[in-house]
Amino acid sequence: MLSVDNMAWSFRRAKTDVRQQQIVEATLALLADSPLDQLSTRQIARALGISQPALFRHFASRDELLMAVIAATQRQLGEIAESVLSEPVGPVEKLEALARALLRHLHRHPGLPRLLFANVASGEGPLFDALKQLYSMQRALVTELTREAQRAGEIDPSIDPRDAATLFVGMLQSITLIRRLDARPDPLEAEGARLLGIWLRGVRASSSALPALPVESLPVPEGLRALDVRPILEQGTDPLDAILEALAAVGPGGVLKLTAPFRPEPLLALLGGRGHALADQRLGPREFLVEVIHGGQPVPEDLRDLPAPEPMERVLVAVSALPPSGVYLARLPRNPRLLVPHLRERGLIHQIYEEPDGSALVRVYRPR
């Protein structure tokens, strides 16, 4: 754990973004010993060896600073989730690794539970909303890993995965809360491993349980869908369920275009681990566009640099060879309005997504 005493020396030498990070770390370190309602910006500034006005050049208020602490925690937990999801192990092993990693993080940042529980008790305000989103993110990830384990026959399929996730996240939170009430000599991670073992025994599929869940039958795939998850996040809800629902709706060979306020590393790790092709680009300070190709195929043919009418001609040649249920994807320099009548004449189903730069992604599907 980084000591507050070690921070003051290097603070003056750092750049603005590094200084802000040092202030966030100092705040967390002080929370390990100070109740939240007694923690002041004056105390934080004194710990860093700076004046209170100097601190206010980076954060306009105490609440703004605490919001930055929660945002930093979200990023760190996202990195933890990304690392766990990237491991080549089964879903139950990933759940075990996630629990260990989260408890290690809490052990290194003992002030974090004090911040979390104090603001949850308030029940309102932007800090409460940010914490609600943090909880929702964890619960959604555990829910999806539980579903994966059910499909693999490792967890009882009769259990509601959301209920299992609620118990999982609540178990980790209760460990940290109980530690504040009843100090124990054994490491936090060791206690977590024992309780996780009880959780696993409760949810594991028995030898007489139902077989692994079959893949659900789906309606005719949409092929292409755009989903902006920013309104969902603003409500304090994790959008993972909505994303997975949209991805299932586009079907194999379908394309999902996601707009998010940040690059969603844990989501990319989760979907990449399932064989979906991913691409992302930053459009603005709080706008990222993520492209997901269900199943990783087909690879889009890039025709954006060809002069007209070559892109249209290349598309018509390619789709003429499509087998029944075949899918073709192409990136074109602009919305191909002249192409649409030709596709309809051939009985082909098409969808077009206009990119922010004016180019277009075209999906063509030949019905059975």
Foldseek 3Di string as FASTA:
>chain_A
DDDLQVQQVCLVVDDLVVNLVSLLVLVLNVLLPDQPVPDALCVSCVSNVHHSVVVCVNPVGPVSSLVVNLVVVLVVLLVQLLVLLLDPDALVVSLLSSLLVVLVVCVVRVSVLSLLVVLVVVVDDPSVLSSLLVLQVQLLVQLVSVLRCLLVQFWFPVDRSSVLSVCSVVVSSVLSVVCVVDPDDDRSSVVSVVVVVVSSVVTTADPPGDGRDDDDDDDDAPQEDEEECVVVVVRSHDCPVVVVVNLVRNPAQGKYKYKFQDDSSSVCSNLVSVQWDWDKDDDDNGIIIMMTHHNPDDDAAEPAPPDPPVVLVVVVVVVVPADAFGKYKYKYNAPPPVNVVVLVVVVWDKDWDQDPVHIIMMMITHHD
